[in-house]
Amino acid sequence: MFSGIVQGTAKLVDAQVTPHNFQIQLKADNPLFRNVNIGQSVAVNGVCLTAIQVDDYTFSAQVMTTTMNISNINPKYLTKDTTVNIETALKLGDSLDGHIVQGHVNGMGQIVTIHDRINSKLFEIKTDHQLLEEMIPKGSITVNGVSLTIVDIFSDSLSVSLTNHSEQVTNFKDYQVGDIVNIETDFIGRQVNAYLKNKE
């Protein structure tokens, strides 16, 4: 489990593609992975991945085909030197400063507009109608592993706001219109949507 509070970023330094998976190696500029052991989980752009090799600065994992199909952790979007957001798994007693994040991405979205605001930026993200149905206005959402509050929900998109600080400590500082991001809808929103559908 994660909280959506990104601890830093890392870059893809090596990748191998096989018919069944995508093996990646990431490297950080600081010891982000110091407390991670082989077999433990790390959220990479919000996707929960298991360490197969790790040291203080590098992390390697295998990405299964199913995950590649629903996230930007795949060879199409994740190329050498691409920056990804990193969060290590919560431990008992850790502060839950964001919201409960499972690391199970529900799908992707595309950034369609970016507006500068005072001390923040507003991102509009186009995504599938099915995902939008699971969202609650002013509720929580995870975008590329970052816990955010939904500003507005439209017919085919949503908007979220990032403070200047959040933008600078994540890969959102590199993002432009047209880029693809991972989306995990809030667990509570999914349960509410499922309940309402069952009532129909």
N, C-alpha and C. Protein backbone atom coordinates (compact mmCIF):
# COMPACT_ATOMS: atom_id res chain seq x y z
N MET A 1 0.84 -1.19 0.00
CA MET A 1 0.00 0.00 0.00
C MET A 1 0.88 1.24 0.00
N PHE A 2 0.35 2.30 -0.60
CA PHE A 2 1.09 3.55 -0.73
C PHE A 2 0.18 4.71 -0.33
N SER A 3 0.77 5.91 -0.30
CA SER A 3 -0.02 7.08 0.10
C SER A 3 -0.14 8.12 -1.01
N GLY A 4 0.61 7.94 -2.10
CA GLY A 4 0.57 8.93 -3.17
C GLY A 4 1.46 10.13 -2.91
N ILE A 5 2.32 10.03 -1.90
CA ILE A 5 3.29 11.09 -1.63
C ILE A 5 4.63 10.65 -2.23
N VAL A 6 4.93 11.17 -3.41
CA VAL A 6 6.13 10.76 -4.15
C VAL A 6 7.38 11.20 -3.38
N GLN A 7 8.33 10.29 -3.26
CA GLN A 7 9.55 10.56 -2.49
C GLN A 7 10.69 11.08 -3.36
N GLY A 8 10.55 10.95 -4.66
CA GLY A 8 11.59 11.40 -5.57
C GLY A 8 11.37 10.81 -6.96
N THR A 9 12.33 11.02 -7.82
CA THR A 9 12.24 10.49 -9.18
C THR A 9 13.48 9.68 -9.52
N ALA A 10 13.34 8.85 -10.53
CA ALA A 10 14.46 8.05 -11.04
C ALA A 10 14.35 8.02 -12.55
N LYS A 11 15.44 7.63 -13.21
CA LYS A 11 15.45 7.55 -14.67
C LYS A 11 15.66 6.12 -15.13
N LEU A 12 15.05 5.79 -16.26
CA LEU A 12 15.28 4.48 -16.85
C LEU A 12 16.67 4.45 -17.46
N VAL A 13 17.49 3.49 -17.00
CA VAL A 13 18.86 3.38 -17.51
C VAL A 13 19.05 2.14 -18.37
N ASP A 14 18.15 1.15 -18.20
CA ASP A 14 18.28 -0.06 -19.01
C ASP A 14 16.91 -0.73 -19.11
N ALA A 15 16.67 -1.39 -20.24
CA ALA A 15 15.39 -2.09 -20.43
C ALA A 15 15.59 -3.25 -21.39
N GLN A 16 14.88 -4.34 -21.13
CA GLN A 16 14.89 -5.51 -22.00
C GLN A 16 13.46 -5.95 -22.24
N VAL A 17 13.11 -6.11 -23.50
CA VAL A 17 11.75 -6.51 -23.87
C VAL A 17 11.75 -7.97 -24.29
N THR A 18 10.84 -8.76 -23.70
CA THR A 18 10.66 -10.15 -24.08
C THR A 18 9.20 -10.32 -24.53
N PRO A 19 8.84 -11.48 -25.08
CA PRO A 19 7.44 -11.67 -25.50
C PRO A 19 6.45 -11.59 -24.35
N HIS A 20 6.92 -11.78 -23.10
CA HIS A 20 6.00 -11.87 -21.97
C HIS A 20 6.15 -10.76 -20.95
N ASN A 21 7.26 -10.03 -20.97
CA ASN A 21 7.42 -8.97 -19.99
C ASN A 21 8.42 -7.91 -20.46
N PHE A 22 8.56 -6.91 -19.64
CA PHE A 22 9.43 -5.76 -19.91
C PHE A 22 10.26 -5.57 -18.65
N GLN A 23 11.54 -5.87 -18.73
CA GLN A 23 12.40 -5.74 -17.55
C GLN A 23 13.07 -4.38 -17.57
N ILE A 24 12.95 -3.66 -16.45
CA ILE A 24 13.49 -2.30 -16.39
C ILE A 24 14.47 -2.14 -15.24
N GLN A 25 15.42 -1.23 -15.44
CA GLN A 25 16.32 -0.83 -14.36
C GLN A 25 16.26 0.69 -14.24
N LEU A 26 16.01 1.16 -13.04
CA LEU A 26 15.90 2.59 -12.76
C LEU A 26 17.06 3.03 -11.89
N LYS A 27 17.47 4.28 -12.06
CA LYS A 27 18.53 4.83 -11.22
C LYS A 27 18.13 6.20 -10.71
N ALA A 28 18.30 6.41 -9.41
CA ALA A 28 17.99 7.68 -8.77
C ALA A 28 19.27 8.44 -8.44
N ASP A 29 19.15 9.75 -8.27
CA ASP A 29 20.30 10.58 -7.92
C ASP A 29 20.59 10.55 -6.43
N ASN A 30 19.63 10.08 -5.65
CA ASN A 30 19.83 9.95 -4.21
C ASN A 30 19.37 8.55 -3.78
N PRO A 31 19.68 8.14 -2.56
CA PRO A 31 19.42 6.74 -2.15
C PRO A 31 17.94 6.46 -1.86
N LEU A 32 17.10 6.57 -2.87
CA LEU A 32 15.66 6.35 -2.71
C LEU A 32 15.33 4.92 -2.30
N PHE A 33 16.18 3.97 -2.71
CA PHE A 33 15.85 2.55 -2.52
C PHE A 33 16.62 1.93 -1.35
N ARG A 34 17.16 2.77 -0.48
CA ARG A 34 18.02 2.29 0.62
C ARG A 34 17.29 1.27 1.50
N ASN A 35 16.01 1.47 1.71
CA ASN A 35 15.27 0.59 2.63
C ASN A 35 14.42 -0.45 1.91
N VAL A 36 14.71 -0.66 0.62
CA VAL A 36 13.97 -1.63 -0.18
C VAL A 36 14.78 -2.91 -0.32
N ASN A 37 14.15 -4.04 -0.08
CA ASN A 37 14.80 -5.34 -0.24
C ASN A 37 14.21 -6.07 -1.44
N ILE A 38 14.94 -7.06 -1.96
CA ILE A 38 14.41 -7.89 -3.05
C ILE A 38 13.09 -8.51 -2.62
N GLY A 39 12.10 -8.43 -3.49
CA GLY A 39 10.78 -8.97 -3.18
C GLY A 39 9.81 -7.95 -2.64
N GLN A 40 10.32 -6.76 -2.29
CA GLN A 40 9.43 -5.72 -1.78
C GLN A 40 8.92 -4.83 -2.91
N SER A 41 7.87 -4.07 -2.60
CA SER A 41 7.17 -3.29 -3.62
C SER A 41 7.60 -1.82 -3.64
N VAL A 42 7.59 -1.28 -4.85
CA VAL A 42 7.84 0.14 -5.08
C VAL A 42 6.82 0.62 -6.11
N ALA A 43 6.25 1.78 -5.89
CA ALA A 43 5.35 2.37 -6.88
C ALA A 43 6.15 3.19 -7.88
N VAL A 44 6.06 2.81 -9.15
CA VAL A 44 6.75 3.49 -10.25
C VAL A 44 5.69 4.13 -11.13
N ASN A 45 5.62 5.46 -11.11
CA ASN A 45 4.51 6.16 -11.77
C ASN A 45 3.17 5.62 -11.31
N GLY A 46 3.13 5.22 -10.04
CA GLY A 46 1.89 4.71 -9.46
C GLY A 46 1.64 3.24 -9.66
N VAL A 47 2.52 2.55 -10.38
CA VAL A 47 2.36 1.11 -10.64
C VAL A 47 3.18 0.33 -9.62
N CYS A 48 2.55 -0.56 -8.90
CA CYS A 48 3.24 -1.38 -7.91
C CYS A 48 4.09 -2.44 -8.61
N LEU A 49 5.41 -2.36 -8.40
CA LEU A 49 6.34 -3.31 -9.00
C LEU A 49 7.18 -3.95 -7.90
N THR A 50 7.60 -5.19 -8.14
CA THR A 50 8.38 -5.95 -7.16
C THR A 50 9.86 -5.92 -7.51
N ALA A 51 10.69 -5.62 -6.54
CA ALA A 51 12.13 -5.55 -6.76
C ALA A 51 12.71 -6.93 -7.04
N ILE A 52 13.44 -7.06 -8.16
CA ILE A 52 14.16 -8.31 -8.43
C ILE A 52 15.67 -8.11 -8.23
N GLN A 53 16.10 -6.84 -8.33
CA GLN A 53 17.46 -6.43 -7.96
C GLN A 53 17.36 -5.02 -7.42
N VAL A 54 18.12 -4.73 -6.38
CA VAL A 54 18.01 -3.40 -5.79
C VAL A 54 19.27 -3.06 -4.99
N ASP A 55 19.66 -1.79 -5.03
CA ASP A 55 20.63 -1.26 -4.09
C ASP A 55 20.17 0.15 -3.74
N ASP A 56 20.98 0.92 -3.06
CA ASP A 56 20.54 2.23 -2.59
C ASP A 56 20.03 3.13 -3.71
N TYR A 57 20.67 3.03 -4.89
CA TYR A 57 20.38 3.97 -5.97
C TYR A 57 19.67 3.36 -7.17
N THR A 58 19.66 2.03 -7.28
CA THR A 58 19.06 1.40 -8.46
C THR A 58 18.00 0.38 -8.06
N PHE A 59 17.05 0.20 -8.97
CA PHE A 59 15.92 -0.69 -8.73
C PHE A 59 15.57 -1.38 -10.05
N SER A 60 15.44 -2.70 -10.03
CA SER A 60 15.07 -3.45 -11.22
C SER A 60 13.80 -4.24 -10.95
N ALA A 61 12.95 -4.34 -11.99
CA ALA A 61 11.69 -5.05 -11.86
C ALA A 61 11.26 -5.58 -13.21
N GLN A 62 10.36 -6.56 -13.19
CA GLN A 62 9.74 -7.08 -14.40
C GLN A 62 8.31 -6.57 -14.46
N VAL A 63 7.92 -6.08 -15.63
CA VAL A 63 6.58 -5.56 -15.84
C VAL A 63 5.83 -6.55 -16.73
N MET A 64 4.74 -7.10 -16.22
CA MET A 64 3.97 -8.08 -16.97
C MET A 64 3.15 -7.42 -18.08
N THR A 65 2.76 -8.23 -19.07
CA THR A 65 2.02 -7.72 -20.23
C THR A 65 0.74 -7.00 -19.83
N THR A 66 0.01 -7.56 -18.86
CA THR A 66 -1.23 -6.92 -18.41
C THR A 66 -0.98 -5.51 -17.92
N THR A 67 0.09 -5.33 -17.15
CA THR A 67 0.43 -4.00 -16.64
C THR A 67 0.85 -3.07 -17.77
N MET A 68 1.62 -3.59 -18.71
CA MET A 68 2.04 -2.77 -19.84
C MET A 68 0.85 -2.26 -20.64
N ASN A 69 -0.20 -3.08 -20.73
CA ASN A 69 -1.35 -2.72 -21.55
C ASN A 69 -2.19 -1.60 -20.95
N ILE A 70 -2.11 -1.39 -19.63
CA ILE A 70 -2.97 -0.38 -19.00
C ILE A 70 -2.19 0.77 -18.38
N SER A 71 -0.87 0.82 -18.61
CA SER A 71 -0.07 1.87 -17.97
C SER A 71 1.01 2.39 -18.92
N ASN A 72 1.66 3.48 -18.50
CA ASN A 72 2.76 4.02 -19.30
C ASN A 72 4.09 3.37 -18.96
N ILE A 73 4.06 2.29 -18.17
CA ILE A 73 5.27 1.51 -17.93
C ILE A 73 5.35 0.44 -19.01
N ASN A 74 5.65 0.87 -20.21
CA ASN A 74 5.80 -0.02 -21.35
C ASN A 74 6.76 0.61 -22.35
N PRO A 75 7.30 -0.16 -23.27
CA PRO A 75 8.36 0.35 -24.16
C PRO A 75 7.93 1.53 -25.03
N LYS A 76 6.63 1.70 -25.25
CA LYS A 76 6.16 2.81 -26.08
C LYS A 76 6.39 4.16 -25.40
N TYR A 77 6.14 4.20 -24.09
CA TYR A 77 6.21 5.46 -23.36
C TYR A 77 7.45 5.58 -22.47
N LEU A 78 7.96 4.44 -22.01
CA LEU A 78 9.11 4.45 -21.10
C LEU A 78 10.37 4.10 -21.87
N THR A 79 11.11 5.11 -22.24
CA THR A 79 12.34 4.93 -23.00
C THR A 79 13.53 5.40 -22.17
N LYS A 80 14.72 5.16 -22.66
CA LYS A 80 15.92 5.49 -21.89
C LYS A 80 15.92 6.95 -21.48
N ASP A 81 16.27 7.19 -20.22
CA ASP A 81 16.35 8.51 -19.58
C ASP A 81 14.99 9.13 -19.26
N THR A 82 13.90 8.39 -19.51
CA THR A 82 12.60 8.87 -19.07
C THR A 82 12.56 8.91 -17.55
N THR A 83 12.00 9.97 -17.00
CA THR A 83 11.90 10.14 -15.55
C THR A 83 10.58 9.58 -15.04
N VAL A 84 10.65 8.83 -13.94
CA VAL A 84 9.44 8.26 -13.33
C VAL A 84 9.38 8.67 -11.86
N ASN A 85 8.16 8.70 -11.33
CA ASN A 85 7.95 9.00 -9.92
C ASN A 85 8.13 7.73 -9.09
N ILE A 86 8.70 7.91 -7.88
CA ILE A 86 9.00 6.77 -7.01
C ILE A 86 8.39 6.99 -5.63
N GLU A 87 7.73 5.94 -5.15
CA GLU A 87 7.30 5.90 -3.75
C GLU A 87 7.49 4.48 -3.24
N THR A 88 8.19 4.34 -2.11
CA THR A 88 8.34 3.02 -1.50
C THR A 88 7.09 2.72 -0.67
N ALA A 89 6.85 1.43 -0.44
CA ALA A 89 5.63 1.01 0.25
C ALA A 89 5.58 1.52 1.68
N LEU A 90 4.35 1.79 2.13
CA LEU A 90 4.15 2.22 3.51
C LEU A 90 4.49 1.09 4.48
N LYS A 91 4.99 1.48 5.64
CA LYS A 91 5.24 0.53 6.72
C LYS A 91 4.32 0.89 7.89
N LEU A 92 4.06 -0.09 8.73
CA LEU A 92 3.22 0.13 9.89
C LEU A 92 3.74 1.30 10.72
N GLY A 93 2.90 2.28 10.96
CA GLY A 93 3.30 3.44 11.74
C GLY A 93 3.64 4.65 10.89
N ASP A 94 3.79 4.45 9.55
CA ASP A 94 4.06 5.59 8.67
C ASP A 94 2.86 6.52 8.61
N SER A 95 3.13 7.79 8.38
CA SER A 95 2.06 8.77 8.25
C SER A 95 1.38 8.63 6.89
N LEU A 96 0.04 8.65 6.89
CA LEU A 96 -0.74 8.59 5.65
C LEU A 96 -1.14 10.01 5.27
N ASP A 97 -0.22 10.71 4.57
CA ASP A 97 -0.44 12.12 4.27
C ASP A 97 -1.26 12.35 3.01
N GLY A 98 -1.32 11.36 2.12
CA GLY A 98 -2.11 11.52 0.90
C GLY A 98 -3.45 10.82 1.07
N HIS A 99 -3.63 9.69 0.37
CA HIS A 99 -4.79 8.84 0.57
C HIS A 99 -4.36 7.41 0.27
N ILE A 100 -5.22 6.45 0.53
CA ILE A 100 -4.86 5.04 0.33
C ILE A 100 -4.71 4.76 -1.17
N VAL A 101 -3.52 4.34 -1.55
CA VAL A 101 -3.20 4.03 -2.95
C VAL A 101 -2.75 2.57 -3.01
N GLN A 102 -3.36 1.80 -3.88
CA GLN A 102 -3.04 0.38 -3.97
C GLN A 102 -1.89 0.08 -4.92
N GLY A 103 -1.64 0.99 -5.86
CA GLY A 103 -0.62 0.71 -6.87
C GLY A 103 -1.15 -0.13 -8.00
N HIS A 104 -2.48 -0.26 -8.08
CA HIS A 104 -3.14 -1.01 -9.16
C HIS A 104 -3.78 0.00 -10.11
N VAL A 105 -3.02 0.42 -11.09
CA VAL A 105 -3.49 1.44 -12.04
C VAL A 105 -4.71 0.93 -12.80
N ASN A 106 -5.70 1.80 -12.94
CA ASN A 106 -6.94 1.43 -13.64
C ASN A 106 -6.90 1.73 -15.13
N GLY A 107 -6.01 2.62 -15.54
CA GLY A 107 -5.93 3.00 -16.94
C GLY A 107 -5.04 4.21 -17.12
N MET A 108 -5.10 4.78 -18.30
CA MET A 108 -4.26 5.93 -18.64
C MET A 108 -5.10 7.13 -19.05
N GLY A 109 -4.46 8.27 -19.07
CA GLY A 109 -5.09 9.49 -19.55
C GLY A 109 -4.09 10.30 -20.34
N GLN A 110 -4.58 11.25 -21.11
CA GLN A 110 -3.72 12.11 -21.91
C GLN A 110 -3.91 13.55 -21.48
N ILE A 111 -2.80 14.24 -21.24
CA ILE A 111 -2.88 15.65 -20.86
C ILE A 111 -3.32 16.46 -22.08
N VAL A 112 -4.42 17.21 -21.93
CA VAL A 112 -4.96 17.98 -23.06
C VAL A 112 -4.74 19.48 -22.90
N THR A 113 -4.66 19.97 -21.67
CA THR A 113 -4.33 21.38 -21.45
C THR A 113 -3.53 21.52 -20.16
N ILE A 114 -2.69 22.55 -20.10
CA ILE A 114 -1.96 22.91 -18.89
C ILE A 114 -2.10 24.42 -18.72
N HIS A 115 -2.64 24.84 -17.59
CA HIS A 115 -2.84 26.27 -17.34
C HIS A 115 -2.03 26.69 -16.12
N ASP A 116 -1.28 27.77 -16.26
CA ASP A 116 -0.54 28.33 -15.13
C ASP A 116 -1.50 29.07 -14.21
N ARG A 117 -1.37 28.80 -12.92
CA ARG A 117 -2.11 29.51 -11.89
C ARG A 117 -1.11 30.11 -10.90
N ILE A 118 -1.58 30.90 -9.99
CA ILE A 118 -0.69 31.45 -8.97
C ILE A 118 -0.22 30.31 -8.07
N ASN A 119 1.06 30.05 -8.07
CA ASN A 119 1.70 29.00 -7.25
C ASN A 119 1.24 27.59 -7.58
N SER A 120 0.65 27.39 -8.77
CA SER A 120 0.20 26.05 -9.13
C SER A 120 0.00 25.96 -10.64
N LYS A 121 -0.27 24.74 -11.11
CA LYS A 121 -0.65 24.51 -12.50
C LYS A 121 -1.88 23.61 -12.52
N LEU A 122 -2.77 23.88 -13.47
CA LEU A 122 -3.99 23.10 -13.64
C LEU A 122 -3.84 22.22 -14.86
N PHE A 123 -3.94 20.91 -14.66
CA PHE A 123 -3.82 19.93 -15.75
C PHE A 123 -5.19 19.36 -16.06
N GLU A 124 -5.59 19.41 -17.33
CA GLU A 124 -6.80 18.71 -17.75
C GLU A 124 -6.37 17.42 -18.44
N ILE A 125 -6.98 16.31 -18.04
CA ILE A 125 -6.57 14.99 -18.50
C ILE A 125 -7.77 14.27 -19.10
N LYS A 126 -7.66 13.88 -20.35
CA LYS A 126 -8.71 13.12 -21.01
C LYS A 126 -8.54 11.64 -20.72
N THR A 127 -9.64 10.97 -20.39
CA THR A 127 -9.55 9.55 -20.08
C THR A 127 -10.86 8.85 -20.40
N ASP A 128 -10.90 7.54 -20.16
CA ASP A 128 -12.08 6.74 -20.50
C ASP A 128 -13.28 7.12 -19.63
N HIS A 129 -14.45 7.03 -20.23
CA HIS A 129 -15.69 7.34 -19.51
C HIS A 129 -15.87 6.42 -18.30
N GLN A 130 -15.47 5.16 -18.44
CA GLN A 130 -15.60 4.21 -17.34
C GLN A 130 -14.83 4.67 -16.10
N LEU A 131 -13.63 5.22 -16.31
CA LEU A 131 -12.85 5.72 -15.18
C LEU A 131 -13.49 6.97 -14.58
N LEU A 132 -14.02 7.84 -15.44
CA LEU A 132 -14.66 9.06 -14.95
C LEU A 132 -15.85 8.73 -14.06
N GLU A 133 -16.56 7.65 -14.37
CA GLU A 133 -17.71 7.25 -13.56
C GLU A 133 -17.31 6.86 -12.14
N GLU A 134 -16.06 6.45 -11.97
CA GLU A 134 -15.59 6.02 -10.65
C GLU A 134 -15.05 7.18 -9.82
N MET A 135 -15.06 8.37 -10.37
CA MET A 135 -14.49 9.53 -9.69
C MET A 135 -15.56 10.33 -8.96
N ILE A 136 -15.17 10.93 -7.86
CA ILE A 136 -16.06 11.76 -7.05
C ILE A 136 -15.57 13.20 -7.13
N PRO A 137 -16.43 14.16 -7.46
CA PRO A 137 -16.00 15.57 -7.49
C PRO A 137 -15.38 15.97 -6.15
N LYS A 138 -14.23 16.61 -6.24
CA LYS A 138 -13.43 17.02 -5.07
C LYS A 138 -12.86 15.84 -4.30
N GLY A 139 -12.96 14.65 -4.89
CA GLY A 139 -12.41 13.47 -4.25
C GLY A 139 -10.95 13.26 -4.62
N SER A 140 -10.39 12.17 -4.13
CA SER A 140 -8.97 11.88 -4.37
C SER A 140 -8.78 11.07 -5.64
N ILE A 141 -7.62 11.24 -6.23
CA ILE A 141 -7.22 10.47 -7.40
C ILE A 141 -5.70 10.38 -7.40
N THR A 142 -5.18 9.32 -7.99
CA THR A 142 -3.73 9.17 -8.12
C THR A 142 -3.38 9.28 -9.60
N VAL A 143 -2.52 10.24 -9.92
CA VAL A 143 -2.07 10.44 -11.30
C VAL A 143 -0.54 10.29 -11.32
N ASN A 144 -0.08 9.28 -12.04
CA ASN A 144 1.36 8.97 -12.07
C ASN A 144 1.94 8.79 -10.67
N GLY A 145 1.11 8.22 -9.78
CA GLY A 145 1.57 7.95 -8.43
C GLY A 145 1.43 9.10 -7.47
N VAL A 146 0.92 10.25 -7.92
CA VAL A 146 0.79 11.44 -7.08
C VAL A 146 -0.65 11.55 -6.58
N SER A 147 -0.81 11.63 -5.28
CA SER A 147 -2.13 11.82 -4.68
C SER A 147 -2.59 13.25 -4.92
N LEU A 148 -3.74 13.39 -5.61
CA LEU A 148 -4.26 14.71 -5.95
C LEU A 148 -5.75 14.78 -5.66
N THR A 149 -6.26 16.01 -5.60
CA THR A 149 -7.69 16.24 -5.45
C THR A 149 -8.27 16.64 -6.80
N ILE A 150 -9.37 16.01 -7.16
CA ILE A 150 -10.04 16.34 -8.43
C ILE A 150 -10.65 17.73 -8.33
N VAL A 151 -10.33 18.59 -9.28
CA VAL A 151 -10.91 19.93 -9.32
C VAL A 151 -12.27 19.90 -9.98
N ASP A 152 -12.34 19.33 -11.19
CA ASP A 152 -13.59 19.23 -11.94
C ASP A 152 -13.62 17.92 -12.72
N ILE A 153 -14.82 17.44 -12.99
CA ILE A 153 -15.02 16.28 -13.86
C ILE A 153 -15.91 16.72 -15.02
N PHE A 154 -15.45 16.45 -16.24
CA PHE A 154 -16.19 16.83 -17.44
C PHE A 154 -16.68 15.56 -18.15
N SER A 155 -17.25 15.72 -19.33
CA SER A 155 -17.82 14.58 -20.04
C SER A 155 -16.77 13.56 -20.46
N ASP A 156 -15.56 14.01 -20.78
CA ASP A 156 -14.52 13.07 -21.21
C ASP A 156 -13.16 13.36 -20.58
N SER A 157 -13.15 14.15 -19.51
CA SER A 157 -11.87 14.52 -18.89
C SER A 157 -12.07 14.95 -17.44
N LEU A 158 -10.96 15.14 -16.76
CA LEU A 158 -10.97 15.67 -15.40
C LEU A 158 -9.84 16.69 -15.28
N SER A 159 -9.89 17.51 -14.26
CA SER A 159 -8.80 18.45 -14.03
C SER A 159 -8.28 18.28 -12.61
N VAL A 160 -6.96 18.44 -12.49
CA VAL A 160 -6.29 18.38 -11.19
C VAL A 160 -5.29 19.53 -11.12
N SER A 161 -5.01 19.95 -9.90
CA SER A 161 -4.09 21.07 -9.70
C SER A 161 -2.89 20.59 -8.91
N LEU A 162 -1.69 21.00 -9.36
CA LEU A 162 -0.46 20.69 -8.65
C LEU A 162 0.19 21.98 -8.17
N THR A 163 0.59 22.00 -6.91
CA THR A 163 1.36 23.14 -6.41
C THR A 163 2.73 23.16 -7.10
N ASN A 164 3.37 24.30 -7.07
CA ASN A 164 4.70 24.40 -7.68
C ASN A 164 5.66 23.39 -7.05
N HIS A 165 5.54 23.18 -5.73
CA HIS A 165 6.43 22.23 -5.05
C HIS A 165 6.19 20.81 -5.57
N SER A 166 4.91 20.40 -5.65
CA SER A 166 4.60 19.05 -6.12
C SER A 166 5.07 18.84 -7.55
N GLU A 167 4.94 19.87 -8.36
CA GLU A 167 5.38 19.76 -9.75
C GLU A 167 6.89 19.56 -9.82
N GLN A 168 7.62 20.29 -9.02
CA GLN A 168 9.08 20.26 -9.10
C GLN A 168 9.69 18.97 -8.54
N VAL A 169 9.01 18.30 -7.61
CA VAL A 169 9.58 17.07 -7.03
C VAL A 169 9.06 15.82 -7.73
N THR A 170 8.27 16.00 -8.79
CA THR A 170 7.75 14.86 -9.55
C THR A 170 8.08 15.04 -11.03
N ASN A 171 7.70 14.05 -11.85
CA ASN A 171 7.96 14.18 -13.28
C ASN A 171 6.95 15.06 -14.00
N PHE A 172 6.01 15.63 -13.26
CA PHE A 172 5.09 16.58 -13.89
C PHE A 172 5.81 17.81 -14.41
N LYS A 173 6.97 18.10 -13.87
CA LYS A 173 7.72 19.27 -14.35
C LYS A 173 8.19 19.09 -15.79
N ASP A 174 8.25 17.84 -16.25
CA ASP A 174 8.68 17.55 -17.62
C ASP A 174 7.52 17.37 -18.58
N TYR A 175 6.30 17.33 -18.06
CA TYR A 175 5.16 16.93 -18.88
C TYR A 175 4.62 18.08 -19.73
N GLN A 176 4.13 17.68 -20.91
CA GLN A 176 3.57 18.63 -21.85
C GLN A 176 2.23 18.10 -22.36
N VAL A 177 1.50 18.95 -23.04
CA VAL A 177 0.23 18.52 -23.65
C VAL A 177 0.51 17.35 -24.59
N GLY A 178 -0.33 16.32 -24.50
CA GLY A 178 -0.16 15.12 -25.32
C GLY A 178 0.48 13.96 -24.58
N ASP A 179 1.14 14.24 -23.45
CA ASP A 179 1.80 13.16 -22.71
C ASP A 179 0.78 12.27 -22.01
N ILE A 180 1.20 11.03 -21.76
CA ILE A 180 0.33 10.00 -21.18
C ILE A 180 0.67 9.79 -19.71
N VAL A 181 -0.38 9.74 -18.88
CA VAL A 181 -0.20 9.53 -17.44
C VAL A 181 -1.03 8.34 -16.98
N ASN A 182 -0.61 7.75 -15.87
CA ASN A 182 -1.35 6.65 -15.26
C ASN A 182 -2.41 7.18 -14.30
N ILE A 183 -3.53 6.48 -14.23
CA ILE A 183 -4.61 6.89 -13.35
C ILE A 183 -5.04 5.71 -12.48
N GLU A 184 -5.09 5.96 -11.18
CA GLU A 184 -5.74 5.01 -10.25
C GLU A 184 -6.85 5.77 -9.54
N THR A 185 -8.08 5.35 -9.78
CA THR A 185 -9.20 5.99 -9.12
C THR A 185 -9.23 5.60 -7.64
N ASP A 186 -9.87 6.44 -6.85
CA ASP A 186 -9.92 6.22 -5.41
C ASP A 186 -10.73 4.96 -5.08
N PHE A 187 -10.22 4.17 -4.16
CA PHE A 187 -10.86 2.92 -3.77
C PHE A 187 -12.30 3.16 -3.32
N ILE A 188 -12.54 4.21 -2.56
CA ILE A 188 -13.89 4.49 -2.06
C ILE A 188 -14.82 4.84 -3.22
N GLY A 189 -14.33 5.64 -4.17
CA GLY A 189 -15.12 6.00 -5.33
C GLY A 189 -15.51 4.78 -6.15
N ARG A 190 -14.59 3.83 -6.28
CA ARG A 190 -14.89 2.60 -7.02
C ARG A 190 -15.99 1.80 -6.33
N GLN A 191 -15.91 1.74 -5.00
CA GLN A 191 -16.91 0.98 -4.25
C GLN A 191 -18.29 1.63 -4.35
N VAL A 192 -18.33 2.95 -4.27
CA VAL A 192 -19.60 3.67 -4.40
C VAL A 192 -20.20 3.43 -5.78
N ASN A 193 -19.37 3.51 -6.82
CA ASN A 193 -19.85 3.30 -8.18
C ASN A 193 -20.39 1.88 -8.37
N ALA A 194 -19.68 0.90 -7.82
CA ALA A 194 -20.12 -0.49 -7.92
C ALA A 194 -21.44 -0.69 -7.18
N TYR A 195 -21.58 -0.08 -6.02
CA TYR A 195 -22.81 -0.19 -5.23
C TYR A 195 -24.00 0.39 -5.99
N LEU A 196 -23.81 1.57 -6.58
CA LEU A 196 -24.89 2.22 -7.31
C LEU A 196 -25.29 1.41 -8.54
N LYS A 197 -24.32 0.80 -9.21
CA LYS A 197 -24.63 -0.02 -10.39
C LYS A 197 -25.43 -1.26 -9.99
N ASN A 198 -25.08 -1.83 -8.84
CA ASN A 198 -25.79 -3.02 -8.38
C ASN A 198 -27.22 -2.70 -7.95
N LYS A 199 -27.45 -1.43 -7.58
CA LYS A 199 -28.79 -1.00 -7.15
C LYS A 199 -29.72 -0.78 -8.34
N GLU A 200 -29.13 -0.58 -9.53
CA GLU A 200 -29.95 -0.28 -10.71
C GLU A 200 -30.77 -1.51 -11.15
